[in-house]
Amino acid sequence: MSGGPRVVLVGPMGAGKTTVGRLLGSAWGVPVRDTDEDVEARDGRSVADIFVESGEERFRELETQAVAESTLTCIMGRESAYSGKKITWDEIMASKQDLTPAKDLWKYDGKVPVPEFPVPGKYKFV
């Protein structure tokens, strides 16, 4: 199955997010993306080494950047697929698209509204 994430796991260090994520990925036959691995690849050090050598604050900066870039990459891919055009970082950052759930959806009542599906080529990137 293709598409965006099926699940995003959050929690404190050592809670088992990586383990559970890998188990779910294996069971569902989908790739798993681990923010810690993104941070390690970018920085060239293990998370443990970043904490020891540069402190938690530096790790959180790198983690925030990795999550933001991952999220924007997904949004760019979606906008590109819907609009049929190449979307640049500058365009996505200047976009007027509001991805915030409507305020009436903030209280979950067990019913998930089905939004209108964009039609590639007719959808307008804003």
PDB file of N, CA and C in Angstrom:
ATOM      1  N   MET A   1       0.845  -1.182   0.000  1.00  0.00           N
ATOM      2  CA  MET A   1       0.000   0.000   0.000  1.00  0.00           C
ATOM      3  C   MET A   1       0.885   1.238   0.000  1.00  0.00           C
ATOM      4  N   SER A   2       0.556   2.210  -0.794  1.00  0.00           N
ATOM      5  CA  SER A   2       1.345   3.433  -0.843  1.00  0.00           C
ATOM      6  C   SER A   2       0.618   4.530  -0.085  1.00  0.00           C
ATOM      7  N   GLY A   3       1.224   5.682  -0.010  1.00  0.00           N
ATOM      8  CA  GLY A   3       0.611   6.803   0.673  1.00  0.00           C
ATOM      9  C   GLY A   3       1.468   7.251   1.827  1.00  0.00           C
ATOM     10  N   GLY A   4       0.919   8.136   2.611  1.00  0.00           N
ATOM     11  CA  GLY A   4       1.635   8.676   3.748  1.00  0.00           C
ATOM     12  C   GLY A   4       1.678   7.710   4.904  1.00  0.00           C
ATOM     13  N   PRO A   5       2.132   8.199   6.028  1.00  0.00           N
ATOM     14  CA  PRO A   5       2.255   7.322   7.184  1.00  0.00           C
ATOM     15  C   PRO A   5       0.912   6.741   7.600  1.00  0.00           C
ATOM     16  N   ARG A   6       0.946   5.501   8.021  1.00  0.00           N
ATOM     17  CA  ARG A   6      -0.250   4.890   8.597  1.00  0.00           C
ATOM     18  C   ARG A   6      -0.355   5.242  10.065  1.00  0.00           C
ATOM     19  N   VAL A   7       0.801   5.438  10.682  1.00  0.00           N
ATOM     20  CA  VAL A   7       0.824   5.748  12.105  1.00  0.00           C
ATOM     21  C   VAL A   7       2.082   6.548  12.404  1.00  0.00           C
ATOM     22  N   VAL A   8       1.969   7.473  13.327  1.00  0.00           N
ATOM     23  CA  VAL A   8       3.124   8.224  13.808  1.00  0.00           C
ATOM     24  C   VAL A   8       3.204   7.948  15.301  1.00  0.00           C
ATOM     25  N   LEU A   9       4.336   7.415  15.728  1.00  0.00           N
ATOM     26  CA  LEU A   9       4.515   7.064  17.134  1.00  0.00           C
ATOM     27  C   LEU A   9       5.281   8.167  17.844  1.00  0.00           C
ATOM     28  N   VAL A  10       4.749   8.608  18.965  1.00  0.00           N
ATOM     29  CA  VAL A  10       5.421   9.620  19.778  1.00  0.00           C
ATOM     30  C   VAL A  10       5.493   9.115  21.210  1.00  0.00           C
ATOM     31  N   GLY A  11       6.487   9.570  21.923  1.00  0.00           N
ATOM     32  CA  GLY A  11       6.626   9.171  23.314  1.00  0.00           C
ATOM     33  C   GLY A  11       8.023   9.464  23.804  1.00  0.00           C
ATOM     34  N   PRO A  12       8.242   9.266  25.100  1.00  0.00           N
ATOM     35  CA  PRO A  12       9.557   9.553  25.667  1.00  0.00           C
ATOM     36  C   PRO A  12      10.613   8.560  25.207  1.00  0.00           C
ATOM     37  N   MET A  13      11.868   8.943  25.399  1.00  0.00           N
ATOM     38  CA  MET A  13      12.982   8.060  25.056  1.00  0.00           C
ATOM     39  C   MET A  13      12.818   6.735  25.785  1.00  0.00           C
ATOM     40  N   GLY A  14      13.103   5.658  25.061  1.00  0.00           N
ATOM     41  CA  GLY A  14      13.056   4.336  25.669  1.00  0.00           C
ATOM     42  C   GLY A  14      11.676   3.730  25.789  1.00  0.00           C
ATOM     43  N   ALA A  15      10.663   4.401  25.233  1.00  0.00           N
ATOM     44  CA  ALA A  15       9.290   3.899  25.353  1.00  0.00           C
ATOM     45  C   ALA A  15       9.013   2.730  24.413  1.00  0.00           C
ATOM     46  N   GLY A  16       9.850   2.565  23.384  1.00  0.00           N
ATOM     47  CA  GLY A  16       9.663   1.458  22.451  1.00  0.00           C
ATOM     48  C   GLY A  16       9.130   1.868  21.089  1.00  0.00           C
ATOM     49  N   LYS A  17       9.207   3.154  20.756  1.00  0.00           N
ATOM     50  CA  LYS A  17       8.688   3.640  19.474  1.00  0.00           C
ATOM     51  C   LYS A  17       9.359   2.943  18.289  1.00  0.00           C
ATOM     52  N   THR A  18      10.676   2.830  18.338  1.00  0.00           N
ATOM     53  CA  THR A  18      11.407   2.195  17.239  1.00  0.00           C
ATOM     54  C   THR A  18      11.018   0.733  17.116  1.00  0.00           C
ATOM     55  N   THR A  19      10.972   0.036  18.227  1.00  0.00           N
ATOM     56  CA  THR A  19      10.617  -1.387  18.215  1.00  0.00           C
ATOM     57  C   THR A  19       9.205  -1.588  17.669  1.00  0.00           C
ATOM     58  N   VAL A  20       8.253  -0.837  18.191  1.00  0.00           N
ATOM     59  CA  VAL A  20       6.861  -0.970  17.745  1.00  0.00           C
ATOM     60  C   VAL A  20       6.740  -0.565  16.283  1.00  0.00           C
ATOM     61  N   GLY A  21       7.426   0.508  15.890  1.00  0.00           N
ATOM     62  CA  GLY A  21       7.385   0.945  14.498  1.00  0.00           C
ATOM     63  C   GLY A  21       7.890  -0.132  13.548  1.00  0.00           C
ATOM     64  N   ARG A  22       8.993  -0.754  13.898  1.00  0.00           N
ATOM     65  CA  ARG A  22       9.542  -1.820  13.040  1.00  0.00           C
ATOM     66  C   ARG A  22       8.601  -3.022  12.981  1.00  0.00           C
ATOM     67  N   LEU A  23       8.000  -3.364  14.115  1.00  0.00           N
ATOM     68  CA  LEU A  23       7.044  -4.481  14.122  1.00  0.00           C
ATOM     69  C   LEU A  23       5.838  -4.170  13.234  1.00  0.00           C
ATOM     70  N   LEU A  24       5.312  -2.954  13.346  1.00  0.00           N
ATOM     71  CA  LEU A  24       4.169  -2.565  12.509  1.00  0.00           C
ATOM     72  C   LEU A  24       4.563  -2.533  11.034  1.00  0.00           C
ATOM     73  N   GLY A  25       5.723  -1.965  10.730  1.00  0.00           N
ATOM     74  CA  GLY A  25       6.191  -1.911   9.351  1.00  0.00           C
ATOM     75  C   GLY A  25       6.321  -3.298   8.752  1.00  0.00           C
ATOM     76  N   SER A  26       6.853  -4.207   9.527  1.00  0.00           N
ATOM     77  CA  SER A  26       7.012  -5.586   9.065  1.00  0.00           C
ATOM     78  C   SER A  26       5.651  -6.242   8.850  1.00  0.00           C
ATOM     79  N   ALA A  27       4.748  -6.053   9.800  1.00  0.00           N
ATOM     80  CA  ALA A  27       3.412  -6.666   9.704  1.00  0.00           C
ATOM     81  C   ALA A  27       2.627  -6.104   8.525  1.00  0.00           C
ATOM     82  N   TRP A  28       2.783  -4.802   8.279  1.00  0.00           N
ATOM     83  CA  TRP A  28       2.021  -4.154   7.210  1.00  0.00           C
ATOM     84  C   TRP A  28       2.747  -4.167   5.871  1.00  0.00           C
ATOM     85  N   GLY A  29       4.014  -4.540   5.875  1.00  0.00           N
ATOM     86  CA  GLY A  29       4.780  -4.553   4.633  1.00  0.00           C
ATOM     87  C   GLY A  29       5.064  -3.162   4.096  1.00  0.00           C
ATOM     88  N   VAL A  30       5.305  -2.221   5.001  1.00  0.00           N
ATOM     89  CA  VAL A  30       5.589  -0.840   4.593  1.00  0.00           C
ATOM     90  C   VAL A  30       6.914  -0.387   5.198  1.00  0.00           C
ATOM     91  N   PRO A  31       7.566   0.584   4.573  1.00  0.00           N
ATOM     92  CA  PRO A  31       8.823   1.089   5.133  1.00  0.00           C
ATOM     93  C   PRO A  31       8.572   1.864   6.424  1.00  0.00           C
ATOM     94  N   VAL A  32       9.598   1.942   7.240  1.00  0.00           N
ATOM     95  CA  VAL A  32       9.527   2.655   8.508  1.00  0.00           C
ATOM     96  C   VAL A  32      10.535   3.788   8.474  1.00  0.00           C
ATOM     97  N   ARG A  33      10.120   4.935   8.957  1.00  0.00           N
ATOM     98  CA  ARG A  33      11.030   6.075   9.041  1.00  0.00           C
ATOM     99  C   ARG A  33      11.202   6.414  10.513  1.00  0.00           C
ATOM    100  N   ASP A  34      12.434   6.472  10.947  1.00  0.00           N
ATOM    101  CA  ASP A  34      12.755   6.741  12.345  1.00  0.00           C
ATOM    102  C   ASP A  34      13.504   8.071  12.415  1.00  0.00           C
ATOM    103  N   THR A  35      12.945   9.023  13.134  1.00  0.00           N
ATOM    104  CA  THR A  35      13.552  10.344  13.227  1.00  0.00           C
ATOM    105  C   THR A  35      14.967  10.284  13.779  1.00  0.00           C
ATOM    106  N   ASP A  36      15.205   9.397  14.752  1.00  0.00           N
ATOM    107  CA  ASP A  36      16.565   9.275  15.301  1.00  0.00           C
ATOM    108  C   ASP A  36      17.557   8.890  14.204  1.00  0.00           C
ATOM    109  N   GLU A  37      17.152   8.009  13.305  1.00  0.00           N
ATOM    110  CA  GLU A  37      18.037   7.616  12.204  1.00  0.00           C
ATOM    111  C   GLU A  37      18.294   8.785  11.264  1.00  0.00           C
ATOM    112  N   ASP A  38      17.266   9.623  11.034  1.00  0.00           N
ATOM    113  CA  ASP A  38      17.445  10.827  10.214  1.00  0.00           C
ATOM    114  C   ASP A  38      18.471  11.759  10.861  1.00  0.00           C
ATOM    115  N   VAL A  39      18.346  11.939  12.180  1.00  0.00           N
ATOM    116  CA  VAL A  39      19.267  12.814  12.921  1.00  0.00           C
ATOM    117  C   VAL A  39      20.690  12.262  12.842  1.00  0.00           C
ATOM    118  N   GLU A  40      20.842  10.962  13.054  1.00  0.00           N
ATOM    119  CA  GLU A  40      22.171  10.351  13.013  1.00  0.00           C
ATOM    120  C   GLU A  40      22.808  10.476  11.633  1.00  0.00           C
ATOM    121  N   ALA A  41      22.009  10.276  10.593  1.00  0.00           N
ATOM    122  CA  ALA A  41      22.536  10.385   9.225  1.00  0.00           C
ATOM    123  C   ALA A  41      22.989  11.815   8.923  1.00  0.00           C
ATOM    124  N   ARG A  42      22.226  12.780   9.376  1.00  0.00           N
ATOM    125  CA  ARG A  42      22.559  14.176   9.116  1.00  0.00           C
ATOM    126  C   ARG A  42      23.792  14.612   9.905  1.00  0.00           C
ATOM    127  N   ASP A  43      23.866  14.213  11.165  1.00  0.00           N
ATOM    128  CA  ASP A  43      24.924  14.697  12.046  1.00  0.00           C
ATOM    129  C   ASP A  43      26.180  13.846  11.999  1.00  0.00           C
ATOM    130  N   GLY A  44      26.052  12.585  11.605  1.00  0.00           N
ATOM    131  CA  GLY A  44      27.211  11.701  11.553  1.00  0.00           C
ATOM    132  C   GLY A  44      27.590  11.106  12.895  1.00  0.00           C
ATOM    133  N   ARG A  45      26.734  11.274  13.887  1.00  0.00           N
ATOM    134  CA  ARG A  45      26.969  10.710  15.210  1.00  0.00           C
ATOM    135  C   ARG A  45      25.707  10.006  15.682  1.00  0.00           C
ATOM    136  N   SER A  46      25.879   9.080  16.620  1.00  0.00           N
ATOM    137  CA  SER A  46      24.718   8.419  17.212  1.00  0.00           C
ATOM    138  C   SER A  46      23.984   9.412  18.107  1.00  0.00           C
ATOM    139  N   VAL A  47      22.721   9.122  18.380  1.00  0.00           N
ATOM    140  CA  VAL A  47      21.951   9.977  19.285  1.00  0.00           C
ATOM    141  C   VAL A  47      22.659  10.050  20.637  1.00  0.00           C
ATOM    142  N   ALA A  48      23.148   8.924  21.121  1.00  0.00           N
ATOM    143  CA  ALA A  48      23.844   8.909  22.411  1.00  0.00           C
ATOM    144  C   ALA A  48      25.055   9.843  22.386  1.00  0.00           C
ATOM    145  N   ASP A  49      25.829   9.807  21.300  1.00  0.00           N
ATOM    146  CA  ASP A  49      27.001  10.671  21.195  1.00  0.00           C
ATOM    147  C   ASP A  49      26.604  12.147  21.119  1.00  0.00           C
ATOM    148  N   ILE A  50      25.527  12.437  20.427  1.00  0.00           N
ATOM    149  CA  ILE A  50      25.061  13.833  20.349  1.00  0.00           C
ATOM    150  C   ILE A  50      24.721  14.336  21.747  1.00  0.00           C
ATOM    151  N   PHE A  51      23.993  13.517  22.516  1.00  0.00           N
ATOM    152  CA  PHE A  51      23.643  13.906  23.880  1.00  0.00           C
ATOM    153  C   PHE A  51      24.890  14.151  24.721  1.00  0.00           C
ATOM    154  N   VAL A  52      25.837  13.232  24.658  1.00  0.00           N
ATOM    155  CA  VAL A  52      27.038  13.327  25.494  1.00  0.00           C
ATOM    156  C   VAL A  52      27.914  14.499  25.066  1.00  0.00           C
ATOM    157  N   GLU A  53      28.131  14.634  23.768  1.00  0.00           N
ATOM    158  CA  GLU A  53      29.083  15.627  23.259  1.00  0.00           C
ATOM    159  C   GLU A  53      28.487  17.025  23.092  1.00  0.00           C
ATOM    160  N   SER A  54      27.183  17.102  22.764  1.00  0.00           N
ATOM    161  CA  SER A  54      26.594  18.404  22.455  1.00  0.00           C
ATOM    162  C   SER A  54      25.379  18.755  23.308  1.00  0.00           C
ATOM    163  N   GLY A  55      24.862  17.790  24.041  1.00  0.00           N
ATOM    164  CA  GLY A  55      23.742  18.059  24.938  1.00  0.00           C
ATOM    165  C   GLY A  55      22.380  17.815  24.300  1.00  0.00           C
ATOM    166  N   GLU A  56      21.393  17.722  25.182  1.00  0.00           N
ATOM    167  CA  GLU A  56      20.023  17.460  24.732  1.00  0.00           C
ATOM    168  C   GLU A  56      19.484  18.584  23.857  1.00  0.00           C
ATOM    169  N   GLU A  57      19.828  19.827  24.181  1.00  0.00           N
ATOM    170  CA  GLU A  57      19.317  20.954  23.398  1.00  0.00           C
ATOM    171  C   GLU A  57      19.708  20.827  21.926  1.00  0.00           C
ATOM    172  N   ARG A  58      20.958  20.454  21.667  1.00  0.00           N
ATOM    173  CA  ARG A  58      21.404  20.283  20.269  1.00  0.00           C
ATOM    174  C   ARG A  58      20.672  19.136  19.612  1.00  0.00           C
ATOM    175  N   PHE A  59      20.482  18.021  20.347  1.00  0.00           N
ATOM    176  CA  PHE A  59      19.721  16.908  19.781  1.00  0.00           C
ATOM    177  C   PHE A  59      18.312  17.357  19.418  1.00  0.00           C
ATOM    178  N   ARG A  60      17.662  18.105  20.301  1.00  0.00           N
ATOM    179  CA  ARG A  60      16.285  18.561  20.027  1.00  0.00           C
ATOM    180  C   ARG A  60      16.238  19.489  18.817  1.00  0.00           C
ATOM    181  N   GLU A  61      17.252  20.297  18.610  1.00  0.00           N
ATOM    182  CA  GLU A  61      17.314  21.144  17.413  1.00  0.00           C
ATOM    183  C   GLU A  61      17.369  20.276  16.153  1.00  0.00           C
ATOM    184  N   LEU A  62      18.243  19.272  16.171  1.00  0.00           N
ATOM    185  CA  LEU A  62      18.378  18.372  15.021  1.00  0.00           C
ATOM    186  C   LEU A  62      17.102  17.566  14.800  1.00  0.00           C
ATOM    187  N   GLU A  63      16.491  17.129  15.880  1.00  0.00           N
ATOM    188  CA  GLU A  63      15.246  16.359  15.805  1.00  0.00           C
ATOM    189  C   GLU A  63      14.121  17.207  15.213  1.00  0.00           C
ATOM    190  N   THR A  64      14.018  18.446  15.671  1.00  0.00           N
ATOM    191  CA  THR A  64      12.992  19.360  15.158  1.00  0.00           C
ATOM    192  C   THR A  64      13.171  19.589  13.664  1.00  0.00           C
ATOM    193  N   GLN A  65      14.401  19.781  13.242  1.00  0.00           N
ATOM    194  CA  GLN A  65      14.684  19.983  11.825  1.00  0.00           C
ATOM    195  C   GLN A  65      14.306  18.743  11.018  1.00  0.00           C
ATOM    196  N   ALA A  66      14.647  17.560  11.519  1.00  0.00           N
ATOM    197  CA  ALA A  66      14.329  16.321  10.805  1.00  0.00           C
ATOM    198  C   ALA A  66      12.821  16.129  10.670  1.00  0.00           C
ATOM    199  N   VAL A  67      12.075  16.400  11.728  1.00  0.00           N
ATOM    200  CA  VAL A  67      10.616  16.245  11.690  1.00  0.00           C
ATOM    201  C   VAL A  67       9.999  17.266  10.735  1.00  0.00           C
ATOM    202  N   ALA A  68      10.471  18.507  10.792  1.00  0.00           N
ATOM    203  CA  ALA A  68       9.937  19.551   9.903  1.00  0.00           C
ATOM    204  C   ALA A  68      10.210  19.218   8.439  1.00  0.00           C
ATOM    205  N   GLU A  69      11.421  18.785   8.127  1.00  0.00           N
ATOM    206  CA  GLU A  69      11.756  18.450   6.739  1.00  0.00           C
ATOM    207  C   GLU A  69      10.977  17.236   6.253  1.00  0.00           C
ATOM    208  N   SER A  70      10.800  16.254   7.110  1.00  0.00           N
ATOM    209  CA  SER A  70      10.026  15.063   6.745  1.00  0.00           C
ATOM    210  C   SER A  70       8.574  15.433   6.462  1.00  0.00           C
ATOM    211  N   THR A  71       8.014  16.254   7.333  1.00  0.00           N
ATOM    212  CA  THR A  71       6.619  16.683   7.173  1.00  0.00           C
ATOM    213  C   THR A  71       6.449  17.494   5.894  1.00  0.00           C
ATOM    214  N   LEU A  72       7.344  18.446   5.668  1.00  0.00           N
ATOM    215  CA  LEU A  72       7.238  19.272   4.466  1.00  0.00           C
ATOM    216  C   LEU A  72       7.459  18.459   3.195  1.00  0.00           C
ATOM    217  N   THR A  73       8.336  17.477   3.255  1.00  0.00           N
ATOM    218  CA  THR A  73       8.546  16.614   2.089  1.00  0.00           C
ATOM    219  C   THR A  73       7.256  15.886   1.731  1.00  0.00           C
ATOM    220  N   CYS A  74       6.559  15.378   2.742  1.00  0.00           N
ATOM    221  CA  CYS A  74       5.270  14.705   2.492  1.00  0.00           C
ATOM    222  C   CYS A  74       4.253  15.665   1.902  1.00  0.00           C
ATOM    223  N   ILE A  75       4.178  16.863   2.467  1.00  0.00           N
ATOM    224  CA  ILE A  75       3.225  17.863   1.978  1.00  0.00           C
ATOM    225  C   ILE A  75       3.566  18.255   0.543  1.00  0.00           C
ATOM    226  N   MET A  76       4.859  18.431   0.251  1.00  0.00           N
ATOM    227  CA  MET A  76       5.268  18.779  -1.111  1.00  0.00           C
ATOM    228  C   MET A  76       4.889  17.685  -2.097  1.00  0.00           C
ATOM    229  N   GLY A  77       5.098  16.443  -1.699  1.00  0.00           N
ATOM    230  CA  GLY A  77       4.734  15.320  -2.571  1.00  0.00           C
ATOM    231  C   GLY A  77       3.248  15.289  -2.848  1.00  0.00           C
ATOM    232  N   ARG A  78       2.461  15.503  -1.815  1.00  0.00           N
ATOM    233  CA  ARG A  78       1.012  15.524  -1.993  1.00  0.00           C
ATOM    234  C   ARG A  78       0.583  16.663  -2.912  1.00  0.00           C
ATOM    235  N   GLU A  79       1.100  17.857  -2.654  1.00  0.00           N
ATOM    236  CA  GLU A  79       0.733  19.012  -3.482  1.00  0.00           C
ATOM    237  C   GLU A  79       1.160  18.814  -4.931  1.00  0.00           C
ATOM    238  N   SER A  80       2.323  18.213  -5.126  1.00  0.00           N
ATOM    239  CA  SER A  80       2.800  17.945  -6.476  1.00  0.00           C
ATOM    240  C   SER A  80       1.897  16.943  -7.186  1.00  0.00           C
ATOM    241  N   ALA A  81       1.527  15.882  -6.483  1.00  0.00           N
ATOM    242  CA  ALA A  81       0.663  14.863  -7.080  1.00  0.00           C
ATOM    243  C   ALA A  81      -0.712  15.434  -7.409  1.00  0.00           C
ATOM    244  N   TYR A  82      -1.250  16.237  -6.512  1.00  0.00           N
ATOM    245  CA  TYR A  82      -2.587  16.814  -6.730  1.00  0.00           C
ATOM    246  C   TYR A  82      -2.596  17.848  -7.852  1.00  0.00           C
ATOM    247  N   SER A  83      -1.546  18.676  -7.906  1.00  0.00           N
ATOM    248  CA  SER A  83      -1.551  19.786  -8.863  1.00  0.00           C
ATOM    249  C   SER A  83      -0.910  19.430 -10.198  1.00  0.00           C
ATOM    250  N   GLY A  84      -0.079  18.379 -10.209  1.00  0.00           N
ATOM    251  CA  GLY A  84       0.609  18.014 -11.438  1.00  0.00           C
ATOM    252  C   GLY A  84       1.811  18.892 -11.738  1.00  0.00           C
ATOM    253  N   LYS A  85       2.255  19.670 -10.765  1.00  0.00           N
ATOM    254  CA  LYS A  85       3.413  20.532 -10.992  1.00  0.00           C
ATOM    255  C   LYS A  85       4.490  20.264  -9.949  1.00  0.00           C
ATOM    256  N   LYS A  86       5.710  20.600 -10.313  1.00  0.00           N
ATOM    257  CA  LYS A  86       6.828  20.467  -9.384  1.00  0.00           C
ATOM    258  C   LYS A  86       6.698  21.575  -8.335  1.00  0.00           C
ATOM    259  N   ILE A  87       6.793  21.188  -7.070  1.00  0.00           N
ATOM    260  CA  ILE A  87       6.687  22.151  -5.981  1.00  0.00           C
ATOM    261  C   ILE A  87       8.064  22.298  -5.342  1.00  0.00           C
ATOM    262  N   THR A  88       8.513  23.539  -5.191  1.00  0.00           N
ATOM    263  CA  THR A  88       9.822  23.798  -4.586  1.00  0.00           C
ATOM    264  C   THR A  88       9.664  24.102  -3.097  1.00  0.00           C
ATOM    265  N   TRP A  89      10.788  24.056  -2.381  1.00  0.00           N
ATOM    266  CA  TRP A  89      10.763  24.414  -0.961  1.00  0.00           C
ATOM    267  C   TRP A  89      10.235  25.836  -0.779  1.00  0.00           C
ATOM    268  N   ASP A  90      10.694  26.757  -1.607  1.00  0.00           N
ATOM    269  CA  ASP A  90      10.238  28.146  -1.477  1.00  0.00           C
ATOM    270  C   ASP A  90       8.736  28.254  -1.691  1.00  0.00           C
ATOM    271  N   GLU A  91       8.212  27.522  -2.666  1.00  0.00           N
ATOM    272  CA  GLU A  91       6.772  27.571  -2.926  1.00  0.00           C
ATOM    273  C   GLU A  91       5.965  26.997  -1.760  1.00  0.00           C
ATOM    274  N   ILE A  92       6.425  25.888  -1.206  1.00  0.00           N
ATOM    275  CA  ILE A  92       5.664  25.286  -0.108  1.00  0.00           C
ATOM    276  C   ILE A  92       5.716  26.174   1.128  1.00  0.00           C
ATOM    277  N   MET A  93       6.848  26.840   1.343  1.00  0.00           N
ATOM    278  CA  MET A  93       6.958  27.736   2.493  1.00  0.00           C
ATOM    279  C   MET A  93       6.089  28.986   2.329  1.00  0.00           C
ATOM    280  N   ALA A  94       5.865  29.401   1.086  1.00  0.00           N
ATOM    281  CA  ALA A  94       5.042  30.580   0.821  1.00  0.00           C
ATOM    282  C   ALA A  94       3.579  30.227   0.574  1.00  0.00           C
ATOM    283  N   SER A  95       3.259  28.953   0.617  1.00  0.00           N
ATOM    284  CA  SER A  95       1.905  28.502   0.316  1.00  0.00           C
ATOM    285  C   SER A  95       0.877  29.075   1.289  1.00  0.00           C
ATOM    286  N   LYS A  96      -0.290  29.312   0.786  1.00  0.00           N
ATOM    287  CA  LYS A  96      -1.414  29.789   1.605  1.00  0.00           C
ATOM    288  C   LYS A  96      -2.304  28.624   2.039  1.00  0.00           C
ATOM    289  N   GLN A  97      -1.907  27.411   1.673  1.00  0.00           N
ATOM    290  CA  GLN A  97      -2.674  26.210   2.026  1.00  0.00           C
ATOM    291  C   GLN A  97      -2.746  26.080   3.542  1.00  0.00           C
ATOM    292  N   ASP A  98      -3.946  25.928   4.080  1.00  0.00           N
ATOM    293  CA  ASP A  98      -4.141  25.753   5.522  1.00  0.00           C
ATOM    294  C   ASP A  98      -4.428  24.285   5.788  1.00  0.00           C
ATOM    295  N   LEU A  99      -3.495  23.615   6.443  1.00  0.00           N
ATOM    296  CA  LEU A  99      -3.639  22.191   6.714  1.00  0.00           C
ATOM    297  C   LEU A  99      -4.173  21.922   8.119  1.00  0.00           C
ATOM    298  N   THR A 100      -4.541  22.972   8.827  1.00  0.00           N
ATOM    299  CA  THR A 100      -5.083  22.821  10.166  1.00  0.00           C
ATOM    300  C   THR A 100      -6.491  22.257  10.088  1.00  0.00           C
ATOM    301  N   PRO A 101      -6.800  21.231  10.896  1.00  0.00           N
ATOM    302  CA  PRO A 101      -8.174  20.722  10.893  1.00  0.00           C
ATOM    303  C   PRO A 101      -9.155  21.824  11.283  1.00  0.00           C
ATOM    304  N   ALA A 102     -10.317  21.818  10.647  1.00  0.00           N
ATOM    305  CA  ALA A 102     -11.348  22.802  10.972  1.00  0.00           C
ATOM    306  C   ALA A 102     -11.676  22.705  12.463  1.00  0.00           C
ATOM    307  N   LYS A 103     -11.976  23.839  13.076  1.00  0.00           N
ATOM    308  CA  LYS A 103     -12.199  23.874  14.521  1.00  0.00           C
ATOM    309  C   LYS A 103     -13.301  22.914  14.961  1.00  0.00           C
ATOM    310  N   ASP A 104     -14.315  22.706  14.119  1.00  0.00           N
ATOM    311  CA  ASP A 104     -15.391  21.790  14.495  1.00  0.00           C
ATOM    312  C   ASP A 104     -14.935  20.331  14.512  1.00  0.00           C
ATOM    313  N   LEU A 105     -13.730  20.049  14.005  1.00  0.00           N
ATOM    314  CA  LEU A 105     -13.190  18.692  14.031  1.00  0.00           C
ATOM    315  C   LEU A 105     -12.272  18.453  15.228  1.00  0.00           C
ATOM    316  N   TRP A 106     -12.041  19.478  16.041  1.00  0.00           N
ATOM    317  CA  TRP A 106     -11.134  19.333  17.169  1.00  0.00           C
ATOM    318  C   TRP A 106     -11.699  18.397  18.232  1.00  0.00           C
ATOM    319  N   LYS A 107     -12.997  18.295  18.318  1.00  0.00           N
ATOM    320  CA  LYS A 107     -13.616  17.386  19.278  1.00  0.00           C
ATOM    321  C   LYS A 107     -14.035  16.135  18.507  1.00  0.00           C
ATOM    322  N   TYR A 108     -13.371  15.053  18.806  1.00  0.00           N
ATOM    323  CA  TYR A 108     -13.622  13.808  18.071  1.00  0.00           C
ATOM    324  C   TYR A 108     -14.892  13.145  18.583  1.00  0.00           C
ATOM    325  N   ASP A 109     -15.819  12.897  17.678  1.00  0.00           N
ATOM    326  CA  ASP A 109     -17.090  12.263  18.062  1.00  0.00           C
ATOM    327  C   ASP A 109     -17.224  10.850  17.495  1.00  0.00           C
ATOM    328  N   GLY A 110     -16.132  10.316  16.985  1.00  0.00           N
ATOM    329  CA  GLY A 110     -16.167   8.961  16.445  1.00  0.00           C
ATOM    330  C   GLY A 110     -16.491   8.904  14.963  1.00  0.00           C
ATOM    331  N   LYS A 111     -16.842  10.030  14.387  1.00  0.00           N
ATOM    332  CA  LYS A 111     -17.165  10.097  12.962  1.00  0.00           C
ATOM    333  C   LYS A 111     -16.069  10.865  12.253  1.00  0.00           C
ATOM    334  N   VAL A 112     -15.534  10.274  11.229  1.00  0.00           N
ATOM    335  CA  VAL A 112     -14.478  10.925  10.472  1.00  0.00           C
ATOM    336  C   VAL A 112     -15.056  11.409   9.152  1.00  0.00           C
ATOM    337  N   PRO A 113     -15.097  12.731   8.953  1.00  0.00           N
ATOM    338  CA  PRO A 113     -15.626  13.238   7.691  1.00  0.00           C
ATOM    339  C   PRO A 113     -14.706  12.882   6.532  1.00  0.00           C
ATOM    340  N   VAL A 114     -15.290  12.584   5.406  1.00  0.00           N
ATOM    341  CA  VAL A 114     -14.518  12.268   4.214  1.00  0.00           C
ATOM    342  C   VAL A 114     -14.435  13.528   3.364  1.00  0.00           C
ATOM    343  N   PRO A 115     -13.211  14.080   3.234  1.00  0.00           N
ATOM    344  CA  PRO A 115     -13.083  15.312   2.441  1.00  0.00           C
ATOM    345  C   PRO A 115     -13.230  15.014   0.950  1.00  0.00           C
ATOM    346  N   GLU A 116     -13.541  16.053   0.220  1.00  0.00           N
ATOM    347  CA  GLU A 116     -13.613  15.927  -1.232  1.00  0.00           C
ATOM    348  C   GLU A 116     -12.214  15.602  -1.749  1.00  0.00           C
ATOM    349  N   PHE A 117     -12.120  14.641  -2.655  1.00  0.00           N
ATOM    350  CA  PHE A 117     -10.821  14.259  -3.180  1.00  0.00           C
ATOM    351  C   PHE A 117     -10.392  15.217  -4.276  1.00  0.00           C
ATOM    352  N   PRO A 118      -9.130  15.660  -4.225  1.00  0.00           N
ATOM    353  CA  PRO A 118      -8.615  16.526  -5.279  1.00  0.00           C
ATOM    354  C   PRO A 118      -8.487  15.749  -6.585  1.00  0.00           C
ATOM    355  N   VAL A 119      -8.695  16.418  -7.665  1.00  0.00           N
ATOM    356  CA  VAL A 119      -8.548  15.809  -8.974  1.00  0.00           C
ATOM    357  C   VAL A 119      -7.272  16.364  -9.594  1.00  0.00           C
ATOM    358  N   PRO A 120      -6.276  15.489  -9.848  1.00  0.00           N
ATOM    359  CA  PRO A 120      -5.039  15.969 -10.450  1.00  0.00           C
ATOM    360  C   PRO A 120      -5.318  16.731 -11.741  1.00  0.00           C
ATOM    361  N   GLY A 121      -4.660  17.871 -11.873  1.00  0.00           N
ATOM    362  CA  GLY A 121      -4.846  18.691 -13.052  1.00  0.00           C
ATOM    363  C   GLY A 121      -5.908  19.761 -12.851  1.00  0.00           C
ATOM    364  N   LYS A 122      -6.874  19.501 -11.974  1.00  0.00           N
ATOM    365  CA  LYS A 122      -7.897  20.502 -11.655  1.00  0.00           C
ATOM    366  C   LYS A 122      -7.616  21.178 -10.320  1.00  0.00           C
ATOM    367  N   TYR A 123      -6.905  20.476  -9.461  1.00  0.00           N
ATOM    368  CA  TYR A 123      -6.528  21.001  -8.154  1.00  0.00           C
ATOM    369  C   TYR A 123      -5.567  22.165  -8.354  1.00  0.00           C
ATOM    370  N   LYS A 124      -5.769  23.227  -7.622  1.00  0.00           N
ATOM    371  CA  LYS A 124      -4.896  24.403  -7.725  1.00  0.00           C
ATOM    372  C   LYS A 124      -4.056  24.532  -6.474  1.00  0.00           C
ATOM    373  N   PHE A 125      -2.746  24.544  -6.660  1.00  0.00           N
ATOM    374  CA  PHE A 125      -1.831  24.781  -5.557  1.00  0.00           C
ATOM    375  C   PHE A 125      -1.911  26.238  -5.175  1.00  0.00           C
ATOM    376  N   VAL A 126      -2.064  26.521  -3.887  1.00  0.00           N
ATOM    377  CA  VAL A 126      -2.157  27.925  -3.434  1.00  0.00           C
ATOM    378  C   VAL A 126      -1.011  28.292  -2.550  1.00  0.00           C
TER     379      VAL A 126
END
